[in-house]
Amino acid sequence: MPEYKSSSKLPFIPTESELNMLIGCAGPKLQPFLQTSGKDEYVSKVAITLEEMTKLIEQGFEYVTDTKIGKTTYKLFRKKKVWRPE
């Protein structure tokens, strides 16, 4: 039967500032994959006309849902806020 020894040494856990430095030094393609904050923040926009919807999609917004108030249907869009190191 194998023998196991317990280790009382704690693993290295970087501080938030160390993680921010790492993310800040990474390239723009790698930064989104290194972000670990579960706090996604979004910019939200509303469109009514086809032209408004087209413009938002061209700006990188994604369609979320629509809601009808009275006779008007509003399309809701969102885009993740760009992460900036502190």
Protein backbone atom coordinates (compact mmCIF):
# COMPACT_ATOMS: atom_id res chain seq x y z
CA MET A 1 0.00 0.00 0.00
CA PRO A 2 1.45 3.45 -0.91
CA GLU A 3 2.30 5.89 1.83
CA TYR A 4 1.28 9.56 1.65
CA LYS A 5 2.82 12.45 3.51
CA SER A 6 0.74 15.50 4.24
CA SER A 7 2.18 18.86 3.34
CA SER A 8 1.52 21.84 5.55
CA LYS A 9 2.95 24.30 3.02
CA LEU A 10 0.29 26.55 1.50
CA PRO A 11 0.25 27.02 -2.29
CA PHE A 12 1.34 30.35 -3.77
CA ILE A 13 -1.66 32.61 -4.34
CA PRO A 14 -0.84 35.88 -6.10
CA THR A 15 -2.29 39.11 -4.79
CA GLU A 16 -4.76 41.13 -6.85
CA SER A 17 -2.08 43.70 -7.73
CA GLU A 18 0.24 40.91 -8.94
CA LEU A 19 -2.56 39.54 -11.13
CA ASN A 20 -3.26 43.03 -12.50
CA MET A 21 0.43 43.45 -13.39
CA LEU A 22 0.42 40.11 -15.20
CA ILE A 23 -2.73 40.98 -17.15
CA GLY A 24 -1.39 44.47 -17.92
CA CYS A 25 1.81 43.03 -19.42
CA ALA A 26 -0.05 40.54 -21.61
CA GLY A 27 -0.98 41.35 -25.19
CA PRO A 28 -4.49 42.48 -26.15
CA LYS A 29 -5.43 39.02 -27.43
CA LEU A 30 -4.33 37.29 -24.22
CA GLN A 31 -5.75 39.78 -21.70
CA PRO A 32 -9.39 38.60 -21.89
CA PHE A 33 -8.31 35.03 -21.09
CA LEU A 34 -6.34 36.13 -18.03
CA GLN A 35 -9.11 38.17 -16.49
CA THR A 36 -10.40 36.26 -13.51
CA SER A 37 -12.74 38.76 -11.88
CA GLY A 38 -16.25 37.27 -12.05
CA LYS A 39 -17.61 40.79 -12.29
CA ASP A 40 -18.36 41.27 -15.96
CA GLU A 41 -19.46 44.81 -16.66
CA TYR A 42 -21.39 45.78 -19.76
CA VAL A 43 -22.33 48.86 -21.71
CA SER A 44 -26.00 48.62 -22.63
CA LYS A 45 -27.79 50.25 -25.57
CA VAL A 46 -31.35 50.28 -26.88
CA ALA A 47 -32.35 50.33 -30.54
CA ILE A 48 -35.71 50.78 -32.22
CA THR A 49 -34.94 51.21 -35.92
CA LEU A 50 -33.10 48.85 -38.24
CA GLU A 51 -30.42 51.52 -38.75
CA GLU A 52 -29.83 51.79 -34.98
CA MET A 53 -29.59 48.00 -34.67
CA THR A 54 -27.14 47.76 -37.58
CA LYS A 55 -24.94 50.49 -36.10
CA LEU A 56 -24.79 48.77 -32.70
CA ILE A 57 -23.89 45.40 -34.22
CA GLU A 58 -21.15 47.05 -36.29
CA GLN A 59 -19.80 48.58 -33.06
CA GLY A 60 -19.50 45.11 -31.49
CA PHE A 61 -22.68 45.02 -29.42
CA GLU A 62 -24.52 41.73 -29.07
CA TYR A 63 -28.29 41.34 -29.10
CA VAL A 64 -29.73 40.36 -25.71
CA THR A 65 -33.52 40.53 -25.91
CA ASP A 66 -36.40 42.77 -26.85
CA THR A 67 -39.22 44.24 -24.88
CA LYS A 68 -42.47 45.82 -25.98
CA ILE A 69 -43.76 48.93 -24.29
CA GLY A 70 -47.04 50.07 -25.76
CA LYS A 71 -46.80 49.66 -29.51
CA THR A 72 -43.00 50.09 -29.63
CA THR A 73 -40.59 47.15 -29.54
CA TYR A 74 -37.18 47.96 -28.05
CA LYS A 75 -34.15 45.79 -28.87
CA LEU A 76 -31.59 45.58 -26.05
CA PHE A 77 -27.89 45.17 -26.81
CA ARG A 78 -24.77 44.87 -24.68
CA LYS A 79 -20.99 44.92 -25.03
CA LYS A 80 -18.41 44.03 -22.38
CA LYS A 81 -16.54 46.99 -20.97
CA VAL A 82 -12.87 46.99 -21.92
CA TRP A 83 -10.63 46.00 -19.02
CA ARG A 84 -8.02 48.61 -18.10
CA PRO A 85 -5.25 47.91 -15.57
CA GLU A 86 -5.28 50.13 -12.48
